[in-house]
N, C-alpha and C. Protein backbone atom coordinates (compact mmCIF):
# COMPACT_ATOMS: atom_id res chain seq x y z
N MET A 1 93.18 163.04 30.57
CA MET A 1 93.30 163.17 31.88
C MET A 1 93.45 162.10 33.26
N TYR A 2 94.62 161.82 33.64
CA TYR A 2 94.92 161.02 34.20
C TYR A 2 94.14 159.59 34.13
N GLY A 3 93.61 159.59 33.10
CA GLY A 3 92.92 157.99 32.86
C GLY A 3 91.15 158.07 32.98
N ARG A 4 90.95 159.91 32.70
CA ARG A 4 89.54 159.77 33.20
C ARG A 4 89.17 161.08 31.39
N THR A 5 87.73 160.56 31.54
CA THR A 5 87.28 161.32 30.39
C THR A 5 86.02 162.74 30.86
N TYR A 6 86.93 163.75 30.45
CA TYR A 6 86.39 165.13 30.49
C TYR A 6 85.54 165.62 29.26
N CYS A 7 85.00 166.78 29.57
CA CYS A 7 84.15 167.27 28.44
C CYS A 7 84.73 168.92 28.65
N LYS A 8 85.29 168.61 27.31
CA LYS A 8 85.79 170.50 27.68
C LYS A 8 86.94 170.90 28.74
N ASP A 9 86.50 172.27 29.29
CA ASP A 9 87.28 172.31 30.52
C ASP A 9 86.39 172.26 31.80
N TRP A 10 85.58 171.24 31.43
CA TRP A 10 84.84 171.57 32.75
C TRP A 10 85.96 170.09 33.67
N PHE A 11 85.96 170.36 35.11
CA PHE A 11 87.03 170.44 36.19
C PHE A 11 86.71 168.99 36.69
N MET A 12 85.30 168.32 36.03
CA MET A 12 85.16 166.76 37.04
C MET A 12 84.59 166.10 35.77
N PRO A 13 85.57 164.40 35.91
CA PRO A 13 85.23 163.52 35.17
C PRO A 13 83.41 163.37 34.72
N ILE A 14 83.36 163.20 33.47
CA ILE A 14 81.77 162.80 33.33
C ILE A 14 82.33 160.97 32.70
N ASP A 15 83.17 160.36 33.14
CA ASP A 15 83.07 158.90 32.58
C ASP A 15 82.26 157.84 33.76
N GLU A 16 82.16 156.82 33.23
CA GLU A 16 81.32 155.89 33.74
C GLU A 16 81.62 156.12 35.54
N PRO A 17 82.62 155.77 35.99
CA PRO A 17 83.21 155.89 37.82
C PRO A 17 82.33 157.61 38.46
N GLU A 18 82.70 157.85 37.49
CA GLU A 18 81.96 159.52 37.92
C GLU A 18 80.34 159.35 37.80
N GLN A 19 79.82 158.76 36.35
CA GLN A 19 78.19 158.53 37.00
C GLN A 19 78.12 158.09 38.13
N VAL A 20 78.16 156.60 38.62
CA VAL A 20 78.21 155.75 39.39
C VAL A 20 78.25 156.50 41.34
N ARG A 21 79.18 157.53 41.42
CA ARG A 21 79.25 158.65 42.24
C ARG A 21 78.28 158.94 42.64
N MET A 22 77.81 159.59 41.57
CA MET A 22 77.01 160.39 41.20
C MET A 22 75.59 159.39 41.75
N TYR A 23 75.16 158.83 40.90
CA TYR A 23 74.38 158.05 41.63
C TYR A 23 74.09 157.99 42.79
N LEU A 24 75.44 156.98 42.97
CA LEU A 24 74.93 156.81 45.06
C LEU A 24 74.63 158.28 45.71
N LEU A 25 75.84 159.20 45.20
CA LEU A 25 75.12 160.85 46.15
C LEU A 25 73.40 160.62 45.64
N HIS A 26 73.03 160.61 45.17
CA HIS A 26 71.27 160.96 44.76
C HIS A 26 70.70 159.58 45.28
N GLN A 27 71.60 158.54 45.39
CA GLN A 27 70.37 157.83 46.76
C GLN A 27 70.60 158.25 48.18
N VAL A 28 72.09 158.79 48.27
CA VAL A 28 71.79 159.43 49.65
C VAL A 28 71.21 160.36 50.01
N PHE A 29 71.14 161.33 48.93
CA PHE A 29 69.71 162.76 49.45
C PHE A 29 68.57 161.53 49.58
N LEU A 30 68.00 160.83 48.58
CA LEU A 30 66.82 160.60 48.47
C LEU A 30 66.60 159.92 49.93
N HIS A 31 67.56 158.86 50.79
CA HIS A 31 67.56 158.68 52.39
C HIS A 31 67.39 159.88 52.49
N VAL A 32 68.30 160.62 53.09
CA VAL A 32 68.07 161.91 53.63
C VAL A 32 67.00 162.54 53.64
N PHE A 33 66.34 162.84 52.36
CA PHE A 33 64.78 163.81 52.43
C PHE A 33 63.91 162.17 52.35
N GLY A 34 64.10 161.98 53.10
CA GLY A 34 63.35 160.20 52.81
C GLY A 34 62.42 160.01 51.80
N GLY A 35 62.62 159.85 51.23
CA GLY A 35 62.00 159.42 49.50
C GLY A 35 61.83 160.42 48.67
N GLU A 36 62.05 161.49 49.51
CA GLU A 36 60.98 163.03 48.70
C GLU A 36 62.46 163.29 47.67
N HIS A 37 61.78 163.32 46.33
CA HIS A 37 62.61 164.38 45.21
C HIS A 37 63.23 165.82 45.34
N SER A 38 61.91 166.09 46.01
CA SER A 38 61.95 168.17 46.71
C SER A 38 61.43 168.20 47.69
N THR A 39 62.43 169.48 48.57
CA THR A 39 61.74 170.19 49.67
C THR A 39 60.95 170.94 49.31
N VAL A 40 60.39 171.34 48.45
CA VAL A 40 59.75 172.75 48.11
C VAL A 40 58.13 171.91 47.27
N TYR A 41 57.31 172.52 48.43
CA TYR A 41 55.69 172.19 48.06
C TYR A 41 55.76 172.42 46.46
N LEU A 42 55.31 171.52 45.92
CA LEU A 42 55.07 171.90 44.54
C LEU A 42 53.57 171.68 43.94
N ASP A 43 52.92 172.67 43.90
CA ASP A 43 51.36 172.16 43.66
C ASP A 43 51.14 172.47 42.37
N ASN A 44 51.11 171.12 41.37
CA ASN A 44 50.84 170.76 40.19
C ASN A 44 51.56 172.10 39.41
N PRO A 45 52.90 172.16 39.52
CA PRO A 45 53.78 172.32 38.19
C PRO A 45 53.21 172.45 36.94
N THR A 46 53.99 173.61 35.89
CA THR A 46 53.57 172.71 34.69
C THR A 46 55.08 173.13 33.58
N ASN A 47 56.20 173.42 34.49
CA ASN A 47 57.67 173.72 34.06
C ASN A 47 58.91 173.73 34.57
N ILE A 48 59.64 171.92 34.78
CA ILE A 48 60.64 172.52 36.10
C ILE A 48 61.77 172.15 34.97
N LEU A 49 62.91 172.63 35.25
CA LEU A 49 63.92 172.62 34.68
C LEU A 49 65.11 172.00 35.80
N ASP A 50 65.93 170.79 35.16
CA ASP A 50 66.95 170.92 36.17
C ASP A 50 68.68 170.88 35.15
N VAL A 51 68.65 171.68 35.80
CA VAL A 51 70.39 172.22 35.21
C VAL A 51 71.81 171.22 35.92
N GLY A 52 72.44 170.72 34.71
CA GLY A 52 73.32 169.41 35.41
C GLY A 52 72.30 168.16 35.54
N THR A 53 71.99 168.15 34.96
CA THR A 53 71.43 166.74 34.81
C THR A 53 71.81 165.40 35.30
N GLY A 54 72.71 165.39 34.42
CA GLY A 54 73.87 163.75 34.35
C GLY A 54 72.92 162.99 33.94
N ARG A 55 73.08 161.65 34.19
CA ARG A 55 71.96 160.75 33.71
C ARG A 55 70.64 161.43 33.55
N GLY A 56 69.96 162.38 34.16
CA GLY A 56 69.06 162.17 34.31
C GLY A 56 67.76 161.74 35.17
N GLU A 57 68.14 160.72 36.72
CA GLU A 57 67.37 160.29 37.41
C GLU A 57 66.27 160.97 38.34
N TRP A 58 66.87 162.35 38.62
CA TRP A 58 65.91 162.90 39.20
C TRP A 58 65.00 163.37 38.38
N ALA A 59 65.16 164.11 37.08
CA ALA A 59 64.61 164.53 35.92
C ALA A 59 63.60 163.71 35.74
N ILE A 60 63.80 162.34 35.32
CA ILE A 60 62.72 161.41 35.11
C ILE A 60 61.91 160.84 36.51
N ARG A 61 62.38 160.76 37.09
CA ARG A 61 61.52 161.06 38.48
C ARG A 61 60.09 161.90 38.07
N MET A 62 60.58 163.12 38.38
CA MET A 62 60.15 164.42 38.64
C MET A 62 59.02 164.11 37.40
N GLY A 63 59.38 164.06 36.16
CA GLY A 63 58.35 163.94 35.81
C GLY A 63 57.18 162.08 35.60
N GLU A 64 57.94 161.34 36.37
CA GLU A 64 57.06 160.36 36.52
C GLU A 64 55.39 160.78 37.49
N VAL A 65 56.23 161.59 38.47
CA VAL A 65 55.60 162.86 39.65
C VAL A 65 54.48 163.06 38.87
N TYR A 66 54.79 163.84 38.31
CA TYR A 66 54.03 165.53 37.71
C TYR A 66 53.83 165.27 36.37
N PRO A 67 53.04 164.01 36.20
CA PRO A 67 53.22 163.78 34.18
C PRO A 67 52.31 164.69 33.19
N ASN A 68 51.69 166.07 33.87
CA ASN A 68 51.49 166.84 32.95
C ASN A 68 52.19 168.03 33.02
N CYS A 69 53.60 167.35 33.34
CA CYS A 69 54.32 168.57 33.75
C CYS A 69 55.69 168.51 32.31
N ASP A 70 56.40 169.94 31.86
CA ASP A 70 57.37 169.51 30.96
C ASP A 70 58.43 170.17 31.76
N VAL A 71 59.34 168.70 31.99
CA VAL A 71 60.36 168.64 32.34
C VAL A 71 61.57 168.85 31.24
N VAL A 72 62.86 169.50 31.62
CA VAL A 72 64.01 169.84 30.74
C VAL A 72 65.29 169.46 31.61
N GLY A 73 65.54 168.62 31.17
CA GLY A 73 66.86 168.53 32.17
C GLY A 73 68.56 168.54 30.96
N ILE A 74 69.18 169.34 31.09
CA ILE A 74 70.39 169.90 30.23
C ILE A 74 71.67 170.19 31.63
N ASP A 75 72.66 169.13 30.66
CA ASP A 75 74.12 168.75 30.99
C ASP A 75 74.93 169.59 30.08
N ILE A 76 76.30 170.25 30.45
CA ILE A 76 77.25 170.10 29.35
C ILE A 76 77.37 168.73 28.73
N ALA A 77 77.47 167.25 29.59
CA ALA A 77 77.90 166.29 28.19
C ALA A 77 76.41 165.77 28.02
N ALA A 78 76.05 165.36 26.93
CA ALA A 78 75.31 164.08 26.53
C ALA A 78 75.57 162.63 27.27
N GLU A 79 74.93 162.67 28.24
CA GLU A 79 75.65 161.27 28.77
C GLU A 79 73.96 159.98 28.38
N MET A 80 72.90 160.23 28.73
CA MET A 80 71.78 159.15 27.76
C MET A 80 71.44 160.10 26.59
N PRO A 81 71.24 158.62 26.05
CA PRO A 81 70.61 159.03 24.37
C PRO A 81 69.41 159.64 24.88
N THR A 82 68.89 160.93 23.90
CA THR A 82 68.15 161.57 23.93
C THR A 82 66.54 160.16 23.78
N LYS A 83 66.87 159.15 22.77
CA LYS A 83 65.69 158.60 22.36
C LYS A 83 65.57 157.71 23.54
N GLN A 84 66.05 157.57 24.90
CA GLN A 84 66.46 156.34 25.55
C GLN A 84 65.03 156.82 26.89
N VAL A 85 64.99 158.46 26.55
CA VAL A 85 64.66 159.72 28.03
C VAL A 85 62.95 158.96 27.77
N PRO A 86 62.52 158.74 28.90
CA PRO A 86 60.63 158.63 28.57
C PRO A 86 60.12 160.35 27.97
């Protein structure tokens, strides 16, 4: 529709321009929050769920910060091949 790629009935596009827009928005929030990926104090978490993960930048970073934590990211569309996710 309108030259964009959509996933089933989801109202937002899932194509590359949308992924770039969401990446830039992620960078804005990182800047606003002083580089912190969470405003919640986490004391050695064991499980983190990222709903609407997109390409997974946030989930991947949380896995790097908390290497002993199981981080699961889910989204309506598979944007990143799972074999490329650390």
